[in-house]
C-alpha cells in the first residue's frame, strides 16, 4: 500500500470511528435514557429506530451526491452533519428532541458509511483489496469492543449527555485529516438525480427497516405495523428494480451490476453475515444479563474477547485474501464462526464463564476473517464509475440483513422463552444463529477462487475480473 493510500485510509478510518462507535455506545444506554427523559421504553426505542431510518433514506443517494459535489466535499460535509447532530443530541431536553437530533446523525452516517468504501476502492484501482479492507474494517471491529464498555463507563461516572460528546474528538480530528490527506476532487460528471428511483428505493429501505425493527413487540410478524411496512417495502423494492433495469447507469443504483457474480455473491453473503452478526449481538449481551445476572457494563466487558479475536484475524485475513482468493478465506472463516456459535446453543447458567470467553475469542477470529473477503470481493472487476453503486448495494444488503437477523432471532427468542423457559429459549435462538452461518458456508462456495494479477488500466474502465 503506497503512502497516498495509507494517508487516505487514515483520514477516512478516523472519521468513520464516530458513527460506528456511536451506534454501539447508545445501544447500552436506552434504559437510562428512558428514565432520565421520563419516556416509555417504546418511545425511547425511537432513538435507535429514527437513526436507522435516516441512515436508510440517505444511503441510496450517496452515489449521486458524490458525482454531484465530489468525494472529498461530500465526506467532509457528512462528517460536519454528524458532528452537529452529536452536539445537538448532547443538548437534547426531551425524548422527542433527542429523536429529532438522532435523525440528523443518521443522515451524516448514511452518507459516510458507503462513501468510506467507495473512496478507498476507487483509490486502490483493484489492487490489494484484502489488505485495504483490513484497514476499512478497523472501526467495525473496534466499535463492538469499546462501544459498550465506554458507554457503560460514561453512564457510571457521568450523565447520558456525555455519550454524544465522545463523538466530537473523532469528528474534529477526522475533519482536519480529511482537509489535508484526502485528495481534492470535484464533480465527475453532470449528475441528474433519478427522482423516481429515489422515491421508490429510499421508502423501500425505510419500510423494510421500520417493519423489522417493530417485530420484537408482542405479536411479532402478525402485527399490522410489521407486515404492512414490510409488504410495502418489498413492493417498492421490486418496482425500483424494474425501473432501474430500464435506466441502467442512469438509475439511482445500477442493479445490472448484480449480474456480476462477485458482487451478487458478496451482497448475498453480507446479508447473511449481517443477520448473524447483529442477531448474535442481540442474543449475547441479553444471555449474559438474563442467565448470568450481568449488568450492561458487565455484559459489554464479557464481549471484549470477540472484538479482540476480530482484530487479531483482520490483517492475516487480508493477506490471505489477496494470495489465496476470497473463497478459501470465507469458507474457513464461516466454518470457524459457525463452530464457535454452536457452544452457545448448549450453554446454560452453570457453563463456566472462562469457557464462553474462549469461545467468543475464536468466534471473533472467524467473524474478522469472513468480513474481509466479503467486503473486498464485491468490487473485483468493477470500473471506477461502478464502485459507488456497488458500495450502496453491499451497504443496504448488510443493513437489511442485520435487521432481518435481529427480528427473526427476537421472535424466536420470545416464543421459545414463553414455551420452554429462558435457558432453553436462548439455546434455540443460538441454534438459529448457527443456521444462518451454515447457510453462509454453502453460499461461500460461489465466491471467486485464487486471484490473477490485475493489469493496469486507465481510470474509469472496467478492471479484468479476478478469480474463477
Protein backbone atom coordinates (compact mmCIF):
# COMPACT_ATOMS: atom_id res chain seq x y z
CA UNK A 1 0.00 0.00 0.00
CA UNK A 2 1.57 3.28 -1.10
CA UNK A 3 1.83 6.40 1.05
CA UNK A 4 -1.08 8.30 -0.51
CA UNK A 5 -3.41 5.34 0.03
CA UNK A 6 -2.24 4.98 3.64
CA UNK A 7 -2.94 8.68 4.24
CA UNK A 8 -6.38 8.40 2.69
CA UNK A 9 -7.13 5.32 4.82
CA UNK A 10 -6.07 7.13 7.99
CA UNK A 11 -8.30 10.14 7.30
CA UNK A 12 -11.33 8.03 6.45
CA UNK A 13 -10.97 5.49 9.26
CA UNK A 14 -10.58 8.15 11.97
CA UNK A 15 -13.68 9.96 10.74
CA UNK A 16 -15.66 6.73 10.49
CA UNK A 17 -14.92 5.91 14.13
CA UNK A 18 -17.53 8.48 15.16
CA UNK A 19 -20.68 6.87 13.68
CA UNK A 20 -19.50 3.31 14.29
CA UNK A 21 -18.74 3.96 17.97
CA UNK A 22 -21.92 5.95 18.39
CA UNK A 23 -24.25 3.10 17.42
CA UNK A 24 -22.76 0.68 19.97
CA UNK A 25 -22.43 3.27 22.74
CA UNK A 26 -26.05 4.39 22.53
CA UNK A 27 -27.37 0.82 22.44
CA UNK A 28 -26.38 0.24 26.08
CA UNK A 29 -27.99 3.47 27.29
CA UNK A 30 -31.65 3.09 26.26
CA UNK A 31 -32.93 2.24 29.75
CA UNK A 32 -31.01 5.14 31.29
CA UNK A 33 -32.35 7.49 28.62
CA UNK A 34 -35.92 6.33 29.27
CA UNK A 35 -35.58 7.08 32.99
CA UNK A 36 -33.80 10.41 32.69
CA UNK A 37 -36.08 11.74 29.93
CA UNK A 38 -39.27 10.39 31.57
CA UNK A 39 -40.22 8.45 28.47
CA UNK A 40 -41.58 4.96 27.92
CA UNK A 41 -39.36 2.22 26.57
CA UNK A 42 -41.46 2.19 23.37
CA UNK A 43 -40.80 5.90 22.87
CA UNK A 44 -37.10 5.76 23.66
CA UNK A 45 -36.64 2.90 21.18
CA UNK A 46 -37.13 5.56 18.52
CA UNK A 47 -33.70 6.93 19.49
CA UNK A 48 -32.32 3.90 17.67
CA UNK A 49 -35.10 3.45 15.10
CA UNK A 50 -35.05 7.06 13.88
CA UNK A 51 -31.28 6.88 13.41
CA UNK A 52 -31.55 3.70 11.35
CA UNK A 53 -34.38 5.07 9.20
CA UNK A 54 -32.49 8.30 8.48
CA UNK A 55 -29.47 6.23 7.54
CA UNK A 56 -31.62 4.08 5.27
CA UNK A 57 -33.04 7.13 3.48
CA UNK A 58 -29.58 8.59 2.87
CA UNK A 59 -27.55 5.58 1.69
CA UNK A 60 -29.23 5.20 -1.74
CA UNK A 61 -28.48 8.79 -2.79
CA UNK A 62 -24.76 8.79 -1.89
CA UNK A 63 -23.58 7.80 -5.37
CA UNK A 64 -25.45 10.70 -6.98
CA UNK A 65 -24.18 13.15 -4.35
CA UNK A 66 -20.60 12.07 -4.94
CA UNK A 67 -20.92 12.65 -8.68
CA UNK A 68 -22.57 15.99 -7.98
CA UNK A 69 -20.16 17.54 -5.44
CA UNK A 70 -17.10 15.27 -5.34
CA UNK A 71 -15.94 12.70 -2.80
CA UNK A 72 -13.86 14.93 -0.52
CA UNK A 73 -16.53 17.61 -0.19
CA UNK A 74 -19.25 15.05 0.45
CA UNK A 75 -17.18 13.23 3.08
CA UNK A 76 -16.41 16.44 4.97
CA UNK A 77 -19.99 17.68 4.69
CA UNK A 78 -21.34 14.37 6.01
CA UNK A 79 -18.86 14.44 8.89
CA UNK A 80 -19.93 18.01 9.75
CA UNK A 81 -23.60 16.93 9.72
CA UNK A 82 -22.80 14.03 12.04
CA UNK A 83 -20.78 16.33 14.33
CA UNK A 84 -23.60 18.87 14.53
CA UNK A 85 -26.08 16.07 15.20
CA UNK A 86 -23.91 14.73 18.03
CA UNK A 87 -23.65 18.15 19.71
CA UNK A 88 -27.40 18.66 19.37
CA UNK A 89 -28.07 15.21 20.87
CA UNK A 90 -25.92 16.09 23.88
CA UNK A 91 -28.05 19.22 24.39
CA UNK A 92 -31.41 17.45 23.97
CA UNK A 93 -34.00 18.38 26.60
CA UNK A 94 -36.63 15.71 25.90
CA UNK A 95 -37.17 12.39 24.16
CA UNK A 96 -38.72 14.00 21.03
CA UNK A 97 -35.81 16.44 20.70
CA UNK A 98 -33.27 13.64 21.09
CA UNK A 99 -35.06 11.54 18.47
CA UNK A 100 -35.08 14.50 16.05
CA UNK A 101 -31.37 15.13 16.56
CA UNK A 102 -30.64 11.44 16.04
CA UNK A 103 -32.18 11.83 12.58
CA UNK A 104 -29.50 14.46 11.86
CA UNK A 105 -26.82 12.00 12.99
CA UNK A 106 -28.33 9.27 10.83
CA UNK A 107 -28.20 11.45 7.72
CA UNK A 108 -24.48 12.11 8.26
CA UNK A 109 -23.73 8.45 8.97
CA UNK A 110 -25.78 7.30 5.98
CA UNK A 111 -23.55 9.32 3.66
CA UNK A 112 -20.28 8.38 5.36
CA UNK A 113 -20.52 4.60 5.53
CA UNK A 114 -20.85 3.75 1.81
CA UNK A 115 -18.55 6.65 0.87
CA UNK A 116 -15.81 5.24 3.11
CA UNK A 117 -15.63 2.11 0.97
CA UNK A 118 -16.13 3.93 -2.32
CA UNK A 119 -13.25 6.39 -1.90
CA UNK A 120 -10.79 3.68 -0.85
CA UNK A 121 -11.79 1.27 -3.60
CA UNK A 122 -11.52 3.96 -6.26
CA UNK A 123 -8.08 4.97 -4.98
CA UNK A 124 -6.86 1.35 -4.86
CA UNK A 125 -7.67 0.65 -8.52
CA UNK A 126 -8.41 -3.03 -7.87
CA UNK A 127 -5.11 -3.86 -6.12
CA UNK A 128 -4.53 -5.34 -2.64
CA UNK A 129 -8.24 -5.26 -1.86
CA UNK A 130 -7.93 -7.68 1.03
CA UNK A 131 -5.31 -5.63 2.85
CA UNK A 132 -7.26 -2.49 2.17
CA UNK A 133 -10.44 -3.95 3.61
CA UNK A 134 -8.48 -4.97 6.71
CA UNK A 135 -7.95 -1.24 7.23
CA UNK A 136 -11.54 -0.29 6.37
CA UNK A 137 -12.93 -2.83 8.83
CA UNK A 138 -10.94 -1.44 11.77
CA UNK A 139 -13.76 0.82 13.03
CA UNK A 140 -16.23 -2.03 12.59
CA UNK A 141 -14.03 -4.27 14.73
CA UNK A 142 -13.31 -1.66 17.41
CA UNK A 143 -16.91 -0.49 17.77
CA UNK A 144 -18.28 -3.69 19.38
CA UNK A 145 -15.19 -3.92 21.62
CA UNK A 146 -15.03 -0.44 23.04
CA UNK A 147 -18.53 0.93 22.44
CA UNK A 148 -20.46 -0.95 25.17
CA UNK A 149 -17.56 -0.58 27.62
CA UNK A 150 -17.20 3.16 27.02
CA UNK A 151 -20.97 3.60 27.20
CA UNK A 152 -21.16 1.72 30.49
CA UNK A 153 -18.26 3.69 32.00
CA UNK A 154 -19.80 7.02 30.96
CA UNK A 155 -23.19 6.11 32.43
CA UNK A 156 -21.48 5.05 35.66
CA UNK A 157 -19.47 8.25 36.04
CA UNK A 158 -21.49 10.98 34.30
CA UNK A 159 -24.82 11.81 32.67
CA UNK A 160 -26.05 10.39 29.38
CA UNK A 161 -25.25 13.69 27.63
CA UNK A 162 -21.59 12.67 27.53
CA UNK A 163 -22.43 9.65 25.38
CA UNK A 164 -22.64 12.01 22.41
CA UNK A 165 -19.68 14.24 23.30
CA UNK A 166 -17.46 11.18 22.76
CA UNK A 167 -18.07 11.59 19.02
CA UNK A 168 -16.72 15.14 18.92
CA UNK A 169 -12.95 14.38 19.10
CA UNK A 170 -13.20 11.73 16.34
CA UNK A 171 -15.22 14.05 14.12
CA UNK A 172 -12.95 17.09 14.65
CA UNK A 173 -9.72 15.14 14.10
CA UNK A 174 -11.34 13.38 11.14
CA UNK A 175 -12.19 16.74 9.56
CA UNK A 176 -8.62 18.03 9.98
CA UNK A 177 -7.16 14.84 8.50
CA UNK A 178 -9.66 14.91 5.63
CA UNK A 179 -8.73 18.50 4.77
CA UNK A 180 -5.04 17.66 4.48
CA UNK A 181 -4.97 13.99 3.41
CA UNK A 182 -7.95 13.35 1.10
CA UNK A 183 -7.08 14.37 -2.47
CA UNK A 184 -9.13 17.25 -3.81
CA UNK A 185 -11.67 16.30 -6.42
CA UNK A 186 -14.77 17.80 -7.94
CA UNK A 187 -17.92 16.72 -9.70
CA UNK A 188 -17.08 13.85 -12.06
CA UNK A 189 -19.96 14.35 -14.47
CA UNK A 190 -23.21 16.29 -14.84
CA UNK A 191 -25.41 14.29 -12.49
CA UNK A 192 -29.19 14.34 -12.89
CA UNK A 193 -30.97 12.89 -9.89
CA UNK A 194 -33.10 9.83 -10.60
CA UNK A 195 -36.12 11.23 -8.76
CA UNK A 196 -38.38 8.26 -9.48
CA UNK A 197 -35.71 5.86 -8.30
CA UNK A 198 -35.22 7.87 -5.11
CA UNK A 199 -38.96 7.91 -4.41
CA UNK A 200 -39.00 4.12 -4.80
CA UNK A 201 -35.77 2.94 -3.19
CA UNK A 202 -35.44 5.13 -0.08
CA UNK A 203 -39.01 4.43 1.12
CA UNK A 204 -38.44 0.75 0.33
CA UNK A 205 -35.42 0.60 2.63
CA UNK A 206 -37.24 2.60 5.30
CA UNK A 207 -40.28 0.32 5.12
CA UNK A 208 -38.14 -2.80 5.49
CA UNK A 209 -36.09 -1.39 8.37
CA UNK A 210 -39.11 0.02 10.20
CA UNK A 211 -41.14 -3.16 9.87
CA UNK A 212 -38.27 -5.32 11.04
CA UNK A 213 -37.46 -3.01 13.95
CA UNK A 214 -41.02 -3.44 15.29
CA UNK A 215 -41.01 -7.26 15.31
CA UNK A 216 -39.73 -7.56 18.89
CA UNK A 217 -43.03 -6.33 20.32
CA UNK A 218 -45.94 -8.63 21.22
CA UNK A 219 -47.49 -10.23 18.16
CA UNK A 220 -44.28 -10.37 16.13
CA UNK A 221 -44.75 -10.54 12.37
CA UNK A 222 -48.54 -10.77 12.73
CA UNK A 223 -48.88 -7.13 13.75
CA UNK A 224 -50.06 -4.67 11.09
CA UNK A 225 -47.26 -2.21 11.80
CA UNK A 226 -44.80 -5.00 11.00
CA UNK A 227 -46.15 -6.78 7.93
CA UNK A 228 -47.62 -3.59 6.43
CA UNK A 229 -44.30 -1.70 6.11
CA UNK A 230 -42.55 -4.95 5.13
CA UNK A 231 -45.01 -5.64 2.32
CA UNK A 232 -44.82 -2.04 1.15
CA UNK A 233 -41.02 -2.11 1.28
CA UNK A 234 -40.84 -5.29 -0.80
CA UNK A 235 -43.26 -3.93 -3.41
CA UNK A 236 -41.34 -0.66 -3.69
CA UNK A 237 -38.06 -2.58 -3.95
CA UNK A 238 -39.43 -4.69 -6.81
CA UNK A 239 -40.75 -1.56 -8.52
CA UNK A 240 -37.34 0.08 -8.18
CA UNK A 241 -35.63 -2.96 -9.68
CA UNK A 242 -37.94 -2.86 -12.72
CA UNK A 243 -37.36 0.89 -13.11
CA UNK A 244 -33.58 0.62 -12.66
CA UNK A 245 -33.26 -2.22 -15.18
CA UNK A 246 -34.61 0.11 -17.84
CA UNK A 247 -32.35 3.02 -16.94
CA UNK A 248 -29.10 1.08 -16.38
CA UNK A 249 -26.32 3.52 -15.40
CA UNK A 250 -28.75 6.45 -15.21
CA UNK A 251 -30.62 4.78 -12.32
CA UNK A 252 -30.07 5.86 -8.73
CA UNK A 253 -28.41 2.47 -8.19
CA UNK A 254 -27.40 0.33 -11.17
CA UNK A 255 -28.93 -3.08 -10.41
CA UNK A 256 -27.41 -4.50 -13.61
CA UNK A 257 -24.22 -4.87 -11.56
CA UNK A 258 -25.83 -7.79 -9.73
CA UNK A 259 -25.18 -9.82 -12.90
CA UNK A 260 -21.53 -9.57 -11.88
CA UNK A 261 -21.08 -12.79 -9.90
CA UNK A 262 -18.59 -11.50 -7.30
CA UNK A 263 -20.89 -8.59 -6.36
CA UNK A 264 -24.01 -10.77 -6.25
CA UNK A 265 -22.24 -13.31 -4.03
CA UNK A 266 -20.83 -10.56 -1.82
CA UNK A 267 -24.24 -8.91 -1.34
CA UNK A 268 -25.93 -12.23 -0.54
CA UNK A 269 -23.29 -13.24 1.97
CA UNK A 270 -23.16 -9.79 3.56
CA UNK A 271 -26.93 -10.10 4.05
CA UNK A 272 -26.43 -13.38 5.92
CA UNK A 273 -23.36 -12.07 7.75
CA UNK A 274 -25.38 -9.05 8.88
CA UNK A 275 -28.10 -11.39 10.13
CA UNK A 276 -25.58 -13.50 12.03
CA UNK A 277 -23.55 -10.56 13.36
CA UNK A 278 -26.36 -8.27 14.51
CA UNK A 279 -28.55 -11.16 15.58
CA UNK A 280 -25.80 -12.52 17.80
CA UNK A 281 -25.13 -9.01 19.14
CA UNK A 282 -28.75 -9.08 20.35
CA UNK A 283 -28.50 -12.54 21.92
CA UNK A 284 -25.06 -12.44 23.52
CA UNK A 285 -25.45 -9.47 25.90
CA UNK A 286 -29.04 -10.48 26.70
CA UNK A 287 -27.94 -14.00 27.62
CA UNK A 288 -25.21 -12.68 29.90
CA UNK A 289 -27.71 -10.40 31.60
CA UNK A 290 -30.69 -12.76 31.79
CA UNK A 291 -28.90 -16.03 32.53
CA UNK A 292 -25.85 -14.79 34.47
CA UNK A 293 -27.07 -11.62 36.14
CA UNK A 294 -24.55 -9.27 34.50
CA UNK A 295 -25.33 -5.57 34.21
CA UNK A 296 -24.92 -3.57 30.99
CA UNK A 297 -21.25 -2.78 31.63
CA UNK A 298 -20.50 -6.37 32.69
CA UNK A 299 -22.14 -7.74 29.55
CA UNK A 300 -20.10 -5.31 27.45
CA UNK A 301 -16.87 -6.41 29.10
CA UNK A 302 -17.72 -10.07 28.51
CA UNK A 303 -18.00 -9.34 24.78
CA UNK A 304 -14.50 -7.86 24.57
CA UNK A 305 -12.84 -11.21 23.63
CA UNK A 306 -14.96 -11.42 20.48
CA UNK A 307 -13.73 -8.00 19.38
CA UNK A 308 -10.15 -8.93 20.17
CA UNK A 309 -10.47 -12.04 18.02
CA UNK A 310 -11.79 -9.96 15.12
CA UNK A 311 -8.84 -7.57 15.47
CA UNK A 312 -6.34 -10.43 15.54
CA UNK A 313 -7.59 -12.03 12.32
CA UNK A 314 -8.05 -8.88 10.20
CA UNK A 315 -4.52 -8.43 8.88
CA UNK A 316 -3.91 -12.12 8.21
CA UNK A 317 -7.29 -12.48 6.51
CA UNK A 318 -6.50 -9.52 4.25
CA UNK A 319 -3.17 -11.01 3.16
CA UNK A 320 -4.63 -14.47 2.62
CA UNK A 321 -7.49 -13.00 0.62
CA UNK A 322 -5.04 -11.35 -1.79
CA UNK A 323 -2.94 -14.54 -2.01
CA UNK A 324 -5.46 -17.40 -1.93
CA UNK A 325 -8.67 -15.67 -3.02
CA UNK A 326 -11.89 -14.91 -1.13
CA UNK A 327 -13.44 -18.37 -1.45
CA UNK A 328 -10.91 -20.15 0.78
CA UNK A 329 -10.77 -17.39 3.38
CA UNK A 330 -14.56 -17.05 3.59
CA UNK A 331 -15.14 -20.80 3.82
CA UNK A 332 -12.67 -21.19 6.67
CA UNK A 333 -13.96 -18.05 8.39
CA UNK A 334 -17.60 -19.12 8.22
CA UNK A 335 -16.70 -22.61 9.45
CA UNK A 336 -14.87 -21.15 12.46
CA UNK A 337 -17.73 -18.71 13.10
CA UNK A 338 -20.33 -21.47 12.97
CA UNK A 339 -18.41 -23.89 15.18
CA UNK A 340 -17.82 -21.13 17.74
CA UNK A 341 -21.55 -20.32 17.84
CA UNK A 342 -22.62 -23.93 18.49
CA UNK A 343 -21.47 -23.96 22.17
CA UNK A 344 -23.93 -21.18 22.99
CA UNK A 345 -26.76 -23.41 21.75
CA UNK A 346 -25.90 -25.77 24.63
CA UNK A 347 -24.74 -23.26 27.27
CA UNK A 348 -26.63 -22.57 30.48
CA UNK A 349 -26.18 -20.62 33.71
CA UNK A 350 -23.70 -23.20 35.02
CA UNK A 351 -21.43 -23.19 31.93
CA UNK A 352 -18.01 -21.84 33.01
CA UNK A 353 -17.58 -18.21 32.03
CA UNK A 354 -13.94 -18.76 31.07
CA UNK A 355 -15.05 -21.35 28.51
CA UNK A 356 -17.55 -18.96 26.90
CA UNK A 357 -14.95 -16.18 26.80
CA UNK A 358 -12.56 -18.51 24.96
CA UNK A 359 -15.31 -19.45 22.51
CA UNK A 360 -16.05 -15.76 21.93
CA UNK A 361 -12.38 -15.14 21.14
CA UNK A 362 -12.49 -17.88 18.49
CA UNK A 363 -15.83 -16.59 17.22
CA UNK A 364 -14.27 -13.16 16.78
CA UNK A 365 -11.45 -14.67 14.74
CA UNK A 366 -13.98 -16.21 12.37
CA UNK A 367 -16.00 -13.01 12.20
CA UNK A 368 -12.96 -10.92 11.33
CA UNK A 369 -11.87 -13.47 8.72
CA UNK A 370 -15.18 -13.51 6.82
CA UNK A 371 -15.68 -9.75 6.85
CA UNK A 372 -12.53 -9.01 4.83
CA UNK A 373 -13.16 -11.17 1.72
CA UNK A 374 -16.88 -10.37 1.61
CA UNK A 375 -16.27 -6.63 1.64
CA UNK A 376 -13.45 -6.88 -0.91
CA UNK A 377 -14.83 -9.37 -3.42
CA UNK A 378 -17.82 -7.25 -4.39
CA UNK A 379 -15.51 -4.71 -6.07
CA UNK A 380 -13.42 -7.17 -8.06
CA UNK A 381 -13.64 -6.44 -11.77
CA UNK A 382 -15.59 -3.19 -11.41
CA UNK A 383 -14.68 0.12 -13.03
CA UNK A 384 -14.32 3.38 -11.12
CA UNK A 385 -17.80 4.66 -12.03
CA UNK A 386 -19.40 1.37 -10.90
CA UNK A 387 -17.82 1.33 -7.43
CA UNK A 388 -20.29 3.80 -5.81
CA UNK A 389 -23.21 1.64 -6.96
CA UNK A 390 -21.55 -1.49 -5.53
CA UNK A 391 -20.89 0.29 -2.21
CA UNK A 392 -24.57 1.18 -1.90
CA UNK A 393 -25.71 -2.34 -2.80
CA UNK A 394 -23.43 -4.02 -0.26
CA UNK A 395 -24.25 -1.49 2.47
CA UNK A 396 -28.01 -1.94 2.01
CA UNK A 397 -27.61 -5.74 1.92
CA UNK A 398 -25.76 -5.80 5.24
CA UNK A 399 -28.07 -3.24 6.87
CA UNK A 400 -31.26 -5.07 5.90
CA UNK A 401 -29.67 -8.44 6.69
CA UNK A 402 -28.82 -7.21 10.17
CA UNK A 403 -32.40 -6.05 10.69
CA UNK A 404 -33.71 -9.42 9.49
CA UNK A 405 -31.37 -11.29 11.83
CA UNK A 406 -32.39 -9.22 14.85
CA UNK A 407 -36.09 -9.52 14.00
CA UNK A 408 -36.09 -13.26 13.41
CA UNK A 409 -34.00 -14.08 16.47
CA UNK A 410 -36.07 -11.73 18.65
CA UNK A 411 -39.26 -13.55 17.61
CA UNK A 412 -37.64 -16.96 18.08
CA UNK A 413 -36.32 -15.96 21.50
CA UNK A 414 -39.65 -14.57 22.70
CA UNK A 415 -41.59 -17.62 21.57
CA UNK A 416 -39.06 -20.10 22.92
CA UNK A 417 -38.71 -18.39 26.31
CA UNK A 418 -42.50 -18.39 26.70
CA UNK A 419 -42.72 -22.06 25.71
CA UNK A 420 -39.71 -23.72 27.34
CA UNK A 421 -38.14 -21.14 29.65
CA UNK A 422 -35.17 -18.74 29.37
CA UNK A 423 -32.32 -21.27 29.25
CA UNK A 424 -33.77 -23.48 26.51
CA UNK A 425 -35.14 -20.36 24.79
CA UNK A 426 -31.70 -18.83 24.39
CA UNK A 427 -30.32 -22.19 23.27
CA UNK A 428 -32.92 -22.40 20.49
CA UNK A 429 -32.21 -18.83 19.39
CA UNK A 430 -28.48 -19.52 19.19
CA UNK A 431 -29.32 -22.62 17.15
CA UNK A 432 -31.00 -20.35 14.60
CA UNK A 433 -27.94 -18.09 14.58
CA UNK A 434 -25.81 -21.14 13.83
CA UNK A 435 -28.15 -21.96 10.95
CA UNK A 436 -27.56 -18.53 9.37
CA UNK A 437 -23.85 -19.26 9.42
CA UNK A 438 -24.25 -22.77 7.99
CA UNK A 439 -26.17 -21.34 5.03
CA UNK A 440 -23.35 -18.83 4.54
CA UNK A 441 -20.85 -21.69 4.20
CA UNK A 442 -22.79 -23.06 1.24
CA UNK A 443 -23.06 -19.69 -0.47
CA UNK A 444 -19.35 -19.04 0.03
CA UNK A 445 -18.65 -21.81 -2.49
CA UNK A 446 -19.70 -19.48 -5.33
CA UNK A 447 -17.11 -16.83 -4.43
CA UNK A 448 -14.13 -16.37 -6.80
CA UNK A 449 -11.10 -18.54 -6.19
CA UNK A 450 -7.40 -17.78 -6.47
CA UNK A 451 -6.81 -14.27 -7.87
CA UNK A 452 -4.97 -13.46 -11.05
CA UNK A 453 -2.74 -10.44 -11.47
CA UNK A 454 -4.64 -7.25 -12.33
CA UNK A 455 -3.34 -5.33 -15.33
CA UNK A 456 -3.01 -1.56 -15.23
CA UNK A 457 -5.95 0.14 -16.94
CA UNK A 458 -6.96 3.76 -17.30
CA UNK A 459 -9.24 5.11 -14.58
CA UNK A 460 -12.91 4.64 -15.34
CA UNK A 461 -12.52 1.46 -17.37
CA UNK A 462 -13.66 -1.89 -16.13
CA UNK A 463 -10.97 -3.99 -14.48
CA UNK A 464 -10.49 -7.55 -15.60
CA UNK A 465 -12.46 -9.86 -13.29
CA UNK A 466 -10.31 -11.66 -10.76
CA UNK A 467 -10.80 -15.24 -9.74
CA UNK A 468 -12.59 -18.15 -11.27
